[in-house]
Amino acid sequence: MAFVADIVSVHPSSRFDKASRFVLFSGANVFESCDLALSSCEKYVRLTQKFGTLYVIKRSFDKASKSSIYSCRWPGLEEGLKTFAAVKAATGVLLITGVHEPWQAMLVAVLGDVLGASNLR
């Protein structure tokens, strides 16, 4: 296995190196609803706590289909940020998400612990 860096910091309180415990980065592709996001996240948290691992949720507020311009883009920035806030408040998990427009970065960074950027226009 190749390592890009000797130490990775996801959050000021969470640093990982080659000897660190397993970290699960997972989640449904997009936040379909706040209730579904909370229930699935709570299950991941219980499971990872059982095994002594850390769970970092990976979700998107805007999922553009790469195969159809007519698909739904759920749920949008405003609703997505509300859901991010509710999930983080209820579970305390770290969050990885992405931005699609440069102006979104500062808004999303308030709640996101790791931000990705793809196809910025």
PDB file of N, CA and C in Angstrom:
ATOM      1  N   MET A   1       0.850  -1.177   0.000  1.00  0.00           N
ATOM      2  CA  MET A   1       0.000   0.000   0.000  1.00  0.00           C
ATOM      3  C   MET A   1       0.895   1.239   0.000  1.00  0.00           C
ATOM      4  N   ALA A   2       0.602   2.187  -0.835  1.00  0.00           N
ATOM      5  CA  ALA A   2       1.365   3.431  -0.915  1.00  0.00           C
ATOM      6  C   ALA A   2       0.705   4.507  -0.075  1.00  0.00           C
ATOM      7  N   PHE A   3       1.509   5.288   0.596  1.00  0.00           N
ATOM      8  CA  PHE A   3       1.008   6.397   1.405  1.00  0.00           C
ATOM      9  C   PHE A   3       1.455   7.702   0.779  1.00  0.00           C
ATOM     10  N   VAL A   4       0.501   8.617   0.617  1.00  0.00           N
ATOM     11  CA  VAL A   4       0.820   9.911   0.041  1.00  0.00           C
ATOM     12  C   VAL A   4       1.580  10.763   1.047  1.00  0.00           C
ATOM     13  N   ALA A   5       1.216  10.647   2.297  1.00  0.00           N
ATOM     14  CA  ALA A   5       1.854  11.438   3.348  1.00  0.00           C
ATOM     15  C   ALA A   5       2.059  10.557   4.569  1.00  0.00           C
ATOM     16  N   ASP A   6       3.039  10.889   5.379  1.00  0.00           N
ATOM     17  CA  ASP A   6       3.266  10.123   6.597  1.00  0.00           C
ATOM     18  C   ASP A   6       2.184  10.393   7.626  1.00  0.00           C
ATOM     19  N   ILE A   7       1.686  11.620   7.667  1.00  0.00           N
ATOM     20  CA  ILE A   7       0.641  11.988   8.624  1.00  0.00           C
ATOM     21  C   ILE A   7      -0.448  12.743   7.879  1.00  0.00           C
ATOM     22  N   VAL A   8      -1.683  12.378   8.122  1.00  0.00           N
ATOM     23  CA  VAL A   8      -2.823  13.058   7.528  1.00  0.00           C
ATOM     24  C   VAL A   8      -3.643  13.644   8.651  1.00  0.00           C
ATOM     25  N   SER A   9      -4.008  14.898   8.543  1.00  0.00           N
ATOM     26  CA  SER A   9      -4.850  15.550   9.538  1.00  0.00           C
ATOM     27  C   SER A   9      -6.193  15.860   8.907  1.00  0.00           C
ATOM     28  N   VAL A  10      -7.252  15.196   9.406  1.00  0.00           N
ATOM     29  CA  VAL A  10      -8.594  15.430   8.901  1.00  0.00           C
ATOM     30  C   VAL A  10      -9.245  16.559   9.671  1.00  0.00           C
ATOM     31  N   HIS A  11      -8.851  16.737  10.884  1.00  0.00           N
ATOM     32  CA  HIS A  11      -9.444  17.706  11.793  1.00  0.00           C
ATOM     33  C   HIS A  11      -8.389  17.958  12.874  1.00  0.00           C
ATOM     34  N   PRO A  12      -8.355  19.121  13.517  1.00  0.00           N
ATOM     35  CA  PRO A  12      -7.339  19.361  14.539  1.00  0.00           C
ATOM     36  C   PRO A  12      -7.265  18.263  15.615  1.00  0.00           C
ATOM     37  N   SER A  13      -8.378  17.613  15.905  1.00  0.00           N
ATOM     38  CA  SER A  13      -8.367  16.569  16.931  1.00  0.00           C
ATOM     39  C   SER A  13      -8.187  15.172  16.346  1.00  0.00           C
ATOM     40  N   SER A  14      -8.020  15.063  15.036  1.00  0.00           N
ATOM     41  CA  SER A  14      -7.930  13.749  14.403  1.00  0.00           C
ATOM     42  C   SER A  14      -6.765  13.704  13.422  1.00  0.00           C
ATOM     43  N   ARG A  15      -5.666  13.142  13.882  1.00  0.00           N
ATOM     44  CA  ARG A  15      -4.489  12.964  13.024  1.00  0.00           C
ATOM     45  C   ARG A  15      -4.257  11.474  12.844  1.00  0.00           C
ATOM     46  N   PHE A  16      -3.880  11.087  11.637  1.00  0.00           N
ATOM     47  CA  PHE A  16      -3.686   9.680  11.334  1.00  0.00           C
ATOM     48  C   PHE A  16      -2.327   9.479  10.707  1.00  0.00           C
ATOM     49  N   ASP A  17      -1.680   8.403  11.069  1.00  0.00           N
ATOM     50  CA  ASP A  17      -0.431   8.019  10.420  1.00  0.00           C
ATOM     51  C   ASP A  17      -0.503   6.541  10.075  1.00  0.00           C
ATOM     52  N   LYS A  18       0.598   5.979   9.632  1.00  0.00           N
ATOM     53  CA  LYS A  18       0.610   4.594   9.186  1.00  0.00           C
ATOM     54  C   LYS A  18       0.226   3.616  10.297  1.00  0.00           C
ATOM     55  N   ALA A  19       0.439   3.999  11.532  1.00  0.00           N
ATOM     56  CA  ALA A  19       0.132   3.110  12.655  1.00  0.00           C
ATOM     57  C   ALA A  19      -1.248   3.378  13.262  1.00  0.00           C
ATOM     58  N   SER A  20      -1.975   4.325  12.713  1.00  0.00           N
ATOM     59  CA  SER A  20      -3.278   4.695  13.274  1.00  0.00           C
ATOM     60  C   SER A  20      -4.303   3.595  13.088  1.00  0.00           C
ATOM     61  N   ARG A  21      -5.360   3.710  13.869  1.00  0.00           N
ATOM     62  CA  ARG A  21      -6.467   2.778  13.740  1.00  0.00           C
ATOM     63  C   ARG A  21      -7.186   2.982  12.406  1.00  0.00           C
ATOM     64  N   PHE A  22      -7.987   2.005  12.061  1.00  0.00           N
ATOM     65  CA  PHE A  22      -8.781   2.054  10.836  1.00  0.00           C
ATOM     66  C   PHE A  22      -9.788   3.205  10.913  1.00  0.00           C
ATOM     67  N   VAL A  23      -9.989   3.901   9.816  1.00  0.00           N
ATOM     68  CA  VAL A  23     -10.972   4.974   9.726  1.00  0.00           C
ATOM     69  C   VAL A  23     -11.923   4.635   8.578  1.00  0.00           C
ATOM     70  N   LEU A  24     -13.224   4.678   8.863  1.00  0.00           N
ATOM     71  CA  LEU A  24     -14.224   4.408   7.834  1.00  0.00           C
ATOM     72  C   LEU A  24     -14.734   5.727   7.269  1.00  0.00           C
ATOM     73  N   PHE A  25     -14.485   5.947   5.990  1.00  0.00           N
ATOM     74  CA  PHE A  25     -15.025   7.082   5.261  1.00  0.00           C
ATOM     75  C   PHE A  25     -16.176   6.525   4.430  1.00  0.00           C
ATOM     76  N   SER A  26     -17.408   6.871   4.770  1.00  0.00           N
ATOM     77  CA  SER A  26     -18.529   6.247   4.093  1.00  0.00           C
ATOM     78  C   SER A  26     -19.777   7.105   4.201  1.00  0.00           C
ATOM     79  N   GLY A  27     -20.758   6.749   3.419  1.00  0.00           N
ATOM     80  CA  GLY A  27     -22.053   7.404   3.464  1.00  0.00           C
ATOM     81  C   GLY A  27     -22.726   7.295   2.109  1.00  0.00           C
ATOM     82  N   ALA A  28     -24.016   7.505   2.111  1.00  0.00           N
ATOM     83  CA  ALA A  28     -24.735   7.519   0.837  1.00  0.00           C
ATOM     84  C   ALA A  28     -24.207   8.674   0.003  1.00  0.00           C
ATOM     85  N   ASN A  29     -24.387   8.589  -1.270  1.00  0.00           N
ATOM     86  CA  ASN A  29     -23.843   9.580  -2.178  1.00  0.00           C
ATOM     87  C   ASN A  29     -24.307  10.998  -1.886  1.00  0.00           C
ATOM     88  N   VAL A  30     -25.571  11.133  -1.522  1.00  0.00           N
ATOM     89  CA  VAL A  30     -26.153  12.459  -1.340  1.00  0.00           C
ATOM     90  C   VAL A  30     -27.138  12.401  -0.174  1.00  0.00           C
ATOM     91  N   PHE A  31     -27.378  13.523   0.469  1.00  0.00           N
ATOM     92  CA  PHE A  31     -28.361  13.593   1.548  1.00  0.00           C
ATOM     93  C   PHE A  31     -29.756  13.606   0.934  1.00  0.00           C
ATOM     94  N   GLU A  32     -30.444  12.477   0.974  1.00  0.00           N
ATOM     95  CA  GLU A  32     -31.785  12.416   0.413  1.00  0.00           C
ATOM     96  C   GLU A  32     -32.787  13.136   1.308  1.00  0.00           C
ATOM     97  N   SER A  33     -32.648  12.952   2.622  1.00  0.00           N
ATOM     98  CA  SER A  33     -33.504  13.635   3.595  1.00  0.00           C
ATOM     99  C   SER A  33     -32.751  13.690   4.914  1.00  0.00           C
ATOM    100  N   CYS A  34     -33.139  14.600   5.766  1.00  0.00           N
ATOM    101  CA  CYS A  34     -32.475  14.733   7.057  1.00  0.00           C
ATOM    102  C   CYS A  34     -32.699  13.478   7.904  1.00  0.00           C
ATOM    103  N   ASP A  35     -33.918  12.951   7.917  1.00  0.00           N
ATOM    104  CA  ASP A  35     -34.216  11.757   8.707  1.00  0.00           C
ATOM    105  C   ASP A  35     -33.385  10.563   8.264  1.00  0.00           C
ATOM    106  N   LEU A  36     -33.289  10.338   6.965  1.00  0.00           N
ATOM    107  CA  LEU A  36     -32.498   9.224   6.453  1.00  0.00           C
ATOM    108  C   LEU A  36     -31.016   9.423   6.755  1.00  0.00           C
ATOM    109  N   ALA A  37     -30.534  10.646   6.609  1.00  0.00           N
ATOM    110  CA  ALA A  37     -29.136  10.926   6.903  1.00  0.00           C
ATOM    111  C   ALA A  37     -28.827  10.654   8.373  1.00  0.00           C
ATOM    112  N   LEU A  38     -29.705  11.101   9.268  1.00  0.00           N
ATOM    113  CA  LEU A  38     -29.485  10.873  10.703  1.00  0.00           C
ATOM    114  C   LEU A  38     -29.534   9.397  11.058  1.00  0.00           C
ATOM    115  N   SER A  39     -30.526   8.683  10.560  1.00  0.00           N
ATOM    116  CA  SER A  39     -30.646   7.275  10.932  1.00  0.00           C
ATOM    117  C   SER A  39     -29.483   6.447  10.396  1.00  0.00           C
ATOM    118  N   SER A  40     -29.068   6.694   9.157  1.00  0.00           N
ATOM    119  CA  SER A  40     -27.944   5.921   8.614  1.00  0.00           C
ATOM    120  C   SER A  40     -26.646   6.287   9.311  1.00  0.00           C
ATOM    121  N   CYS A  41     -26.443   7.555   9.596  1.00  0.00           N
ATOM    122  CA  CYS A  41     -25.223   7.990  10.281  1.00  0.00           C
ATOM    123  C   CYS A  41     -25.148   7.394  11.688  1.00  0.00           C
ATOM    124  N   GLU A  42     -26.260   7.386  12.399  1.00  0.00           N
ATOM    125  CA  GLU A  42     -26.276   6.814  13.747  1.00  0.00           C
ATOM    126  C   GLU A  42     -25.910   5.336  13.721  1.00  0.00           C
ATOM    127  N   LYS A  43     -26.345   4.615  12.697  1.00  0.00           N
ATOM    128  CA  LYS A  43     -25.990   3.193  12.567  1.00  0.00           C
ATOM    129  C   LYS A  43     -24.496   3.025  12.310  1.00  0.00           C
ATOM    130  N   TYR A  44     -23.928   3.853  11.432  1.00  0.00           N
ATOM    131  CA  TYR A  44     -22.492   3.800  11.183  1.00  0.00           C
ATOM    132  C   TYR A  44     -21.706   4.117  12.461  1.00  0.00           C
ATOM    133  N   VAL A  45     -22.152   5.104  13.201  1.00  0.00           N
ATOM    134  CA  VAL A  45     -21.462   5.486  14.435  1.00  0.00           C
ATOM    135  C   VAL A  45     -21.487   4.331  15.435  1.00  0.00           C
ATOM    136  N   ARG A  46     -22.648   3.722  15.629  1.00  0.00           N
ATOM    137  CA  ARG A  46     -22.742   2.577  16.556  1.00  0.00           C
ATOM    138  C   ARG A  46     -21.819   1.442  16.133  1.00  0.00           C
ATOM    139  N   LEU A  47     -21.795   1.143  14.864  1.00  0.00           N
ATOM    140  CA  LEU A  47     -20.969   0.059  14.350  1.00  0.00           C
ATOM    141  C   LEU A  47     -19.483   0.351  14.541  1.00  0.00           C
ATOM    142  N   THR A  48     -19.062   1.549  14.175  1.00  0.00           N
ATOM    143  CA  THR A  48     -17.638   1.877  14.299  1.00  0.00           C
ATOM    144  C   THR A  48     -17.219   1.995  15.757  1.00  0.00           C
ATOM    145  N   GLN A  49     -18.090   2.472  16.628  1.00  0.00           N
ATOM    146  CA  GLN A  49     -17.763   2.511  18.056  1.00  0.00           C
ATOM    147  C   GLN A  49     -17.578   1.102  18.605  1.00  0.00           C
ATOM    148  N   LYS A  50     -18.402   0.177  18.137  1.00  0.00           N
ATOM    149  CA  LYS A  50     -18.317  -1.215  18.573  1.00  0.00           C
ATOM    150  C   LYS A  50     -16.930  -1.793  18.285  1.00  0.00           C
ATOM    151  N   PHE A  51     -16.347  -1.403  17.149  1.00  0.00           N
ATOM    152  CA  PHE A  51     -15.047  -1.927  16.749  1.00  0.00           C
ATOM    153  C   PHE A  51     -13.892  -0.974  17.051  1.00  0.00           C
ATOM    154  N   GLY A  52     -14.181   0.136  17.718  1.00  0.00           N
ATOM    155  CA  GLY A  52     -13.117   1.064  18.100  1.00  0.00           C
ATOM    156  C   GLY A  52     -12.496   1.819  16.944  1.00  0.00           C
ATOM    157  N   THR A  53     -13.267   2.028  15.887  1.00  0.00           N
ATOM    158  CA  THR A  53     -12.768   2.770  14.740  1.00  0.00           C
ATOM    159  C   THR A  53     -13.458   4.128  14.660  1.00  0.00           C
ATOM    160  N   LEU A  54     -12.933   4.982  13.836  1.00  0.00           N
ATOM    161  CA  LEU A  54     -13.501   6.313  13.657  1.00  0.00           C
ATOM    162  C   LEU A  54     -14.332   6.330  12.389  1.00  0.00           C
ATOM    163  N   TYR A  55     -15.475   6.983  12.438  1.00  0.00           N
ATOM    164  CA  TYR A  55     -16.335   7.138  11.272  1.00  0.00           C
ATOM    165  C   TYR A  55     -16.316   8.585  10.809  1.00  0.00           C
ATOM    166  N   VAL A  56     -16.039   8.782   9.529  1.00  0.00           N
ATOM    167  CA  VAL A  56     -16.091  10.095   8.901  1.00  0.00           C
ATOM    168  C   VAL A  56     -17.126   9.996   7.790  1.00  0.00           C
ATOM    169  N   ILE A  57     -18.181  10.809   7.885  1.00  0.00           N
ATOM    170  CA  ILE A  57     -19.263  10.728   6.907  1.00  0.00           C
ATOM    171  C   ILE A  57     -18.877  11.480   5.634  1.00  0.00           C
ATOM    172  N   LYS A  58     -19.215  10.872   4.502  1.00  0.00           N
ATOM    173  CA  LYS A  58     -18.963  11.491   3.203  1.00  0.00           C
ATOM    174  C   LYS A  58     -20.310  11.644   2.517  1.00  0.00           C
ATOM    175  N   ARG A  59     -20.737  12.877   2.343  1.00  0.00           N
ATOM    176  CA  ARG A  59     -22.031  13.147   1.695  1.00  0.00           C
ATOM    177  C   ARG A  59     -21.939  14.399   0.844  1.00  0.00           C
ATOM    178  N   SER A  60     -22.890  14.523  -0.059  1.00  0.00           N
ATOM    179  CA  SER A  60     -22.954  15.679  -0.936  1.00  0.00           C
ATOM    180  C   SER A  60     -24.316  16.354  -0.812  1.00  0.00           C
ATOM    181  N   PHE A  61     -24.330  17.651  -0.989  1.00  0.00           N
ATOM    182  CA  PHE A  61     -25.602  18.391  -0.991  1.00  0.00           C
ATOM    183  C   PHE A  61     -26.089  18.624  -2.413  1.00  0.00           C
ATOM    184  N   ASP A  62     -25.211  18.409  -3.388  1.00  0.00           N
ATOM    185  CA  ASP A  62     -25.546  18.662  -4.789  1.00  0.00           C
ATOM    186  C   ASP A  62     -24.881  17.584  -5.622  1.00  0.00           C
ATOM    187  N   LYS A  63     -25.669  16.687  -6.140  1.00  0.00           N
ATOM    188  CA  LYS A  63     -25.104  15.586  -6.911  1.00  0.00           C
ATOM    189  C   LYS A  63     -25.584  15.671  -8.343  1.00  0.00           C
ATOM    190  N   ALA A  64     -24.763  16.211  -9.182  1.00  0.00           N
ATOM    191  CA  ALA A  64     -25.109  16.316 -10.592  1.00  0.00           C
ATOM    192  C   ALA A  64     -24.874  14.973 -11.267  1.00  0.00           C
ATOM    193  N   SER A  65     -25.832  14.520 -12.025  1.00  0.00           N
ATOM    194  CA  SER A  65     -25.692  13.266 -12.757  1.00  0.00           C
ATOM    195  C   SER A  65     -24.738  13.472 -13.918  1.00  0.00           C
ATOM    196  N   LYS A  66     -23.825  12.532 -14.061  1.00  0.00           N
ATOM    197  CA  LYS A  66     -22.898  12.619 -15.189  1.00  0.00           C
ATOM    198  C   LYS A  66     -23.491  12.017 -16.452  1.00  0.00           C
ATOM    199  N   SER A  67     -24.681  11.395 -16.317  1.00  0.00           N
ATOM    200  CA  SER A  67     -25.264  10.744 -17.485  1.00  0.00           C
ATOM    201  C   SER A  67     -26.547  11.406 -17.985  1.00  0.00           C
ATOM    202  N   SER A  68     -27.150  12.298 -17.175  1.00  0.00           N
ATOM    203  CA  SER A  68     -28.390  12.921 -17.610  1.00  0.00           C
ATOM    204  C   SER A  68     -28.530  14.327 -17.035  1.00  0.00           C
ATOM    205  N   ILE A  69     -28.789  15.283 -17.896  1.00  0.00           N
ATOM    206  CA  ILE A  69     -29.002  16.651 -17.422  1.00  0.00           C
ATOM    207  C   ILE A  69     -30.376  16.813 -16.786  1.00  0.00           C
ATOM    208  N   TYR A  70     -31.225  15.809 -16.895  1.00  0.00           N
ATOM    209  CA  TYR A  70     -32.594  15.884 -16.376  1.00  0.00           C
ATOM    210  C   TYR A  70     -32.743  15.277 -14.981  1.00  0.00           C
ATOM    211  N   SER A  71     -31.677  14.732 -14.422  1.00  0.00           N
ATOM    212  CA  SER A  71     -31.798  14.084 -13.120  1.00  0.00           C
ATOM    213  C   SER A  71     -31.875  15.124 -11.995  1.00  0.00           C
ATOM    214  N   CYS A  72     -32.395  14.688 -10.867  1.00  0.00           N
ATOM    215  CA  CYS A  72     -32.535  15.542  -9.689  1.00  0.00           C
ATOM    216  C   CYS A  72     -31.156  15.821  -9.098  1.00  0.00           C
ATOM    217  N   ARG A  73     -30.954  17.020  -8.530  1.00  0.00           N
ATOM    218  CA  ARG A  73     -29.650  17.388  -7.971  1.00  0.00           C
ATOM    219  C   ARG A  73     -29.656  17.449  -6.457  1.00  0.00           C
ATOM    220  N   TRP A  74     -30.556  17.007  -5.818  1.00  0.00           N
ATOM    221  CA  TRP A  74     -30.797  17.015  -4.379  1.00  0.00           C
ATOM    222  C   TRP A  74     -29.675  17.465  -3.495  1.00  0.00           C
ATOM    223  N   PRO A  75     -30.005  17.883  -2.287  1.00  0.00           N
ATOM    224  CA  PRO A  75     -31.176  18.674  -1.936  1.00  0.00           C
ATOM    225  C   PRO A  75     -30.901  20.150  -2.121  1.00  0.00           C
ATOM    226  N   GLY A  76     -29.695  20.471  -2.542  1.00  0.00           N
ATOM    227  CA  GLY A  76     -29.308  21.863  -2.726  1.00  0.00           C
ATOM    228  C   GLY A  76     -28.522  22.365  -1.527  1.00  0.00           C
ATOM    229  N   LEU A  77     -27.886  23.486  -1.694  1.00  0.00           N
ATOM    230  CA  LEU A  77     -26.991  24.021  -0.671  1.00  0.00           C
ATOM    231  C   LEU A  77     -27.692  24.326   0.641  1.00  0.00           C
ATOM    232  N   GLU A  78     -28.781  25.062   0.606  1.00  0.00           N
ATOM    233  CA  GLU A  78     -29.447  25.478   1.848  1.00  0.00           C
ATOM    234  C   GLU A  78     -29.927  24.278   2.664  1.00  0.00           C
ATOM    235  N   GLU A  79     -30.660  23.377   2.041  1.00  0.00           N
ATOM    236  CA  GLU A  79     -31.144  22.189   2.756  1.00  0.00           C
ATOM    237  C   GLU A  79     -29.989  21.282   3.142  1.00  0.00           C
ATOM    238  N   GLY A  80     -29.006  21.174   2.264  1.00  0.00           N
ATOM    239  CA  GLY A  80     -27.830  20.350   2.561  1.00  0.00           C
ATOM    240  C   GLY A  80     -27.086  20.833   3.801  1.00  0.00           C
ATOM    241  N   LEU A  81     -26.900  22.146   3.920  1.00  0.00           N
ATOM    242  CA  LEU A  81     -26.217  22.690   5.100  1.00  0.00           C
ATOM    243  C   LEU A  81     -27.023  22.460   6.373  1.00  0.00           C
ATOM    244  N   LYS A  82     -28.349  22.576   6.283  1.00  0.00           N
ATOM    245  CA  LYS A  82     -29.191  22.284   7.455  1.00  0.00           C
ATOM    246  C   LYS A  82     -29.016  20.826   7.888  1.00  0.00           C
ATOM    247  N   THR A  83     -28.978  19.928   6.910  1.00  0.00           N
ATOM    248  CA  THR A  83     -28.814  18.511   7.216  1.00  0.00           C
ATOM    249  C   THR A  83     -27.425  18.238   7.774  1.00  0.00           C
ATOM    250  N   PHE A  84     -26.382  18.832   7.187  1.00  0.00           N
ATOM    251  CA  PHE A  84     -25.030  18.680   7.726  1.00  0.00           C
ATOM    252  C   PHE A  84     -25.002  19.089   9.193  1.00  0.00           C
ATOM    253  N   ALA A  85     -25.587  20.239   9.501  1.00  0.00           N
ATOM    254  CA  ALA A  85     -25.592  20.755  10.872  1.00  0.00           C
ATOM    255  C   ALA A  85     -26.326  19.798  11.816  1.00  0.00           C
ATOM    256  N   ALA A  86     -27.480  19.284  11.389  1.00  0.00           N
ATOM    257  CA  ALA A  86     -28.255  18.375  12.239  1.00  0.00           C
ATOM    258  C   ALA A  86     -27.502  17.080  12.493  1.00  0.00           C
ATOM    259  N   VAL A  87     -26.893  16.524  11.463  1.00  0.00           N
ATOM    260  CA  VAL A  87     -26.151  15.262  11.611  1.00  0.00           C
ATOM    261  C   VAL A  87     -24.938  15.455  12.512  1.00  0.00           C
ATOM    262  N   LYS A  88     -24.196  16.518  12.290  1.00  0.00           N
ATOM    263  CA  LYS A  88     -23.014  16.763  13.126  1.00  0.00           C
ATOM    264  C   LYS A  88     -23.399  17.023  14.579  1.00  0.00           C
ATOM    265  N   ALA A  89     -24.480  17.767  14.810  1.00  0.00           N
ATOM    266  CA  ALA A  89     -24.917  18.056  16.183  1.00  0.00           C
ATOM    267  C   ALA A  89     -25.378  16.785  16.893  1.00  0.00           C
ATOM    268  N   ALA A  90     -26.062  15.917  16.171  1.00  0.00           N
ATOM    269  CA  ALA A  90     -26.601  14.701  16.787  1.00  0.00           C
ATOM    270  C   ALA A  90     -25.555  13.616  16.993  1.00  0.00           C
ATOM    271  N   THR A  91     -24.538  13.563  16.122  1.00  0.00           N
ATOM    272  CA  THR A  91     -23.606  12.433  16.164  1.00  0.00           C
ATOM    273  C   THR A  91     -22.158  12.811  16.456  1.00  0.00           C
ATOM    274  N   GLY A  92     -21.792  14.047  16.191  1.00  0.00           N
ATOM    275  CA  GLY A  92     -20.410  14.475  16.410  1.00  0.00           C
ATOM    276  C   GLY A  92     -19.423  13.973  15.373  1.00  0.00           C
ATOM    277  N   VAL A  93     -19.900  13.428  14.256  1.00  0.00           N
ATOM    278  CA  VAL A  93     -18.994  12.886  13.242  1.00  0.00           C
ATOM    279  C   VAL A  93     -18.289  13.996  12.478  1.00  0.00           C
ATOM    280  N   LEU A  94     -17.159  13.640  11.886  1.00  0.00           N
ATOM    281  CA  LEU A  94     -16.482  14.530  10.964  1.00  0.00           C
ATOM    282  C   LEU A  94     -17.136  14.370   9.601  1.00  0.00           C
ATOM    283  N   LEU A  95     -17.075  15.401   8.772  1.00  0.00           N
ATOM    284  CA  LEU A  95     -17.779  15.418   7.496  1.00  0.00           C
ATOM    285  C   LEU A  95     -16.838  15.742   6.343  1.00  0.00           C
ATOM    286  N   ILE A  96     -16.920  14.910   5.297  1.00  0.00           N
ATOM    287  CA  ILE A  96     -16.244  15.196   4.033  1.00  0.00           C
ATOM    288  C   ILE A  96     -17.337  15.496   3.012  1.00  0.00           C
ATOM    289  N   THR A  97     -17.185  16.600   2.326  1.00  0.00           N
ATOM    290  CA  THR A  97     -18.127  16.955   1.271  1.00  0.00           C
ATOM    291  C   THR A  97     -17.389  17.747   0.209  1.00  0.00           C
ATOM    292  N   GLY A  98     -18.078  18.081  -0.832  1.00  0.00           N
ATOM    293  CA  GLY A  98     -17.443  18.819  -1.911  1.00  0.00           C
ATOM    294  C   GLY A  98     -18.214  20.055  -2.283  1.00  0.00           C
ATOM    295  N   VAL A  99     -17.551  20.934  -2.990  1.00  0.00           N
ATOM    296  CA  VAL A  99     -18.198  22.139  -3.509  1.00  0.00           C
ATOM    297  C   VAL A  99     -18.094  22.102  -5.030  1.00  0.00           C
ATOM    298  N   HIS A 100     -19.046  22.744  -5.682  1.00  0.00           N
ATOM    299  CA  HIS A 100     -19.091  22.732  -7.131  1.00  0.00           C
ATOM    300  C   HIS A 100     -18.910  24.120  -7.738  1.00  0.00           C
ATOM    301  N   GLU A 101     -19.042  25.127  -6.910  1.00  0.00           N
ATOM    302  CA  GLU A 101     -18.862  26.517  -7.329  1.00  0.00           C
ATOM    303  C   GLU A 101     -17.932  27.182  -6.314  1.00  0.00           C
ATOM    304  N   PRO A 102     -17.009  28.040  -6.736  1.00  0.00           N
ATOM    305  CA  PRO A 102     -16.076  28.663  -5.798  1.00  0.00           C
ATOM    306  C   PRO A 102     -16.757  29.398  -4.638  1.00  0.00           C
ATOM    307  N   TRP A 103     -17.892  30.045  -4.879  1.00  0.00           N
ATOM    308  CA  TRP A 103     -18.566  30.818  -3.836  1.00  0.00           C
ATOM    309  C   TRP A 103     -19.128  29.928  -2.734  1.00  0.00           C
ATOM    310  N   GLN A 104     -19.279  28.629  -2.988  1.00  0.00           N
ATOM    311  CA  GLN A 104     -19.824  27.717  -1.982  1.00  0.00           C
ATOM    312  C   GLN A 104     -18.797  27.365  -0.896  1.00  0.00           C
ATOM    313  N   ALA A 105     -17.528  27.502  -1.203  1.00  0.00           N
ATOM    314  CA  ALA A 105     -16.474  27.017  -0.310  1.00  0.00           C
ATOM    315  C   ALA A 105     -16.561  27.598   1.104  1.00  0.00           C
ATOM    316  N   MET A 106     -16.719  28.890   1.232  1.00  0.00           N
ATOM    317  CA  MET A 106     -16.759  29.502   2.567  1.00  0.00           C
ATOM    318  C   MET A 106     -18.005  29.085   3.350  1.00  0.00           C
ATOM    319  N   LEU A 107     -19.121  28.924   2.677  1.00  0.00           N
ATOM    320  CA  LEU A 107     -20.360  28.501   3.349  1.00  0.00           C
ATOM    321  C   LEU A 107     -20.249  27.065   3.842  1.00  0.00           C
ATOM    322  N   VAL A 108     -19.739  26.192   3.010  1.00  0.00           N
ATOM    323  CA  VAL A 108     -19.650  24.775   3.337  1.00  0.00           C
ATOM    324  C   VAL A 108     -18.533  24.507   4.347  1.00  0.00           C
ATOM    325  N   ALA A 109     -17.463  25.283   4.298  1.00  0.00           N
ATOM    326  CA  ALA A 109     -16.325  25.070   5.200  1.00  0.00           C
ATOM    327  C   ALA A 109     -16.699  25.242   6.669  1.00  0.00           C
ATOM    328  N   VAL A 110     -17.757  25.965   6.953  1.00  0.00           N
ATOM    329  CA  VAL A 110     -18.196  26.144   8.342  1.00  0.00           C
ATOM    330  C   VAL A 110     -18.565  24.799   8.964  1.00  0.00           C
ATOM    331  N   LEU A 111     -19.128  23.889   8.180  1.00  0.00           N
ATOM    332  CA  LEU A 111     -19.559  22.588   8.690  1.00  0.00           C
ATOM    333  C   LEU A 111     -18.692  21.431   8.209  1.00  0.00           C
ATOM    334  N   GLY A 112     -18.105  21.555   7.040  1.00  0.00           N
ATOM    335  CA  GLY A 112     -17.306  20.469   6.484  1.00  0.00           C
ATOM    336  C   GLY A 112     -15.921  20.447   7.096  1.00  0.00           C
ATOM    337  N   ASP A 113     -15.448  19.262   7.444  1.00  0.00           N
ATOM    338  CA  ASP A 113     -14.103  19.125   8.003  1.00  0.00           C
ATOM    339  C   ASP A 113     -13.078  18.920   6.904  1.00  0.00           C
ATOM    340  N   VAL A 114     -13.493  18.318   5.790  1.00  0.00           N
ATOM    341  CA  VAL A 114     -12.650  18.167   4.609  1.00  0.00           C
ATOM    342  C   VAL A 114     -13.507  18.521   3.412  1.00  0.00           C
ATOM    343  N   LEU A 115     -13.006  19.428   2.570  1.00  0.00           N
ATOM    344  CA  LEU A 115     -13.741  19.832   1.368  1.00  0.00           C
ATOM    345  C   LEU A 115     -13.008  19.370   0.124  1.00  0.00           C
ATOM    346  N   GLY A 116     -13.770  18.850  -0.805  1.00  0.00           N
ATOM    347  CA  GLY A 116     -13.220  18.514  -2.109  1.00  0.00           C
ATOM    348  C   GLY A 116     -13.801  19.474  -3.118  1.00  0.00           C
ATOM    349  N   ALA A 117     -13.116  19.619  -4.231  1.00  0.00           N
ATOM    350  CA  ALA A 117     -13.613  20.496  -5.282  1.00  0.00           C
ATOM    351  C   ALA A 117     -13.426  19.781  -6.604  1.00  0.00           C
ATOM    352  N   SER A 118     -14.499  19.703  -7.366  1.00  0.00           N
ATOM    353  CA  SER A 118     -14.373  19.080  -8.672  1.00  0.00           C
ATOM    354  C   SER A 118     -15.167  19.888  -9.678  1.00  0.00           C
ATOM    355  N   ASN A 119     -14.612  19.996 -10.830  1.00  0.00           N
ATOM    356  CA  ASN A 119     -15.278  20.691 -11.933  1.00  0.00           C
ATOM    357  C   ASN A 119     -15.723  22.098 -11.550  1.00  0.00           C
ATOM    358  N   LEU A 120     -14.883  22.807 -10.813  1.00  0.00           N
ATOM    359  CA  LEU A 120     -15.246  24.182 -10.444  1.00  0.00           C
ATOM    360  C   LEU A 120     -15.330  25.020 -11.700  1.00  0.00           C
ATOM    361  N   ARG A 121     -16.374  25.827 -11.717  1.00  0.00           N
ATOM    362  CA  ARG A 121     -16.587  26.691 -12.894  1.00  0.00           C
ATOM    363  C   ARG A 121     -16.141  28.086 -12.593  1.00  0.00           C
TER     364      ARG A 121
END
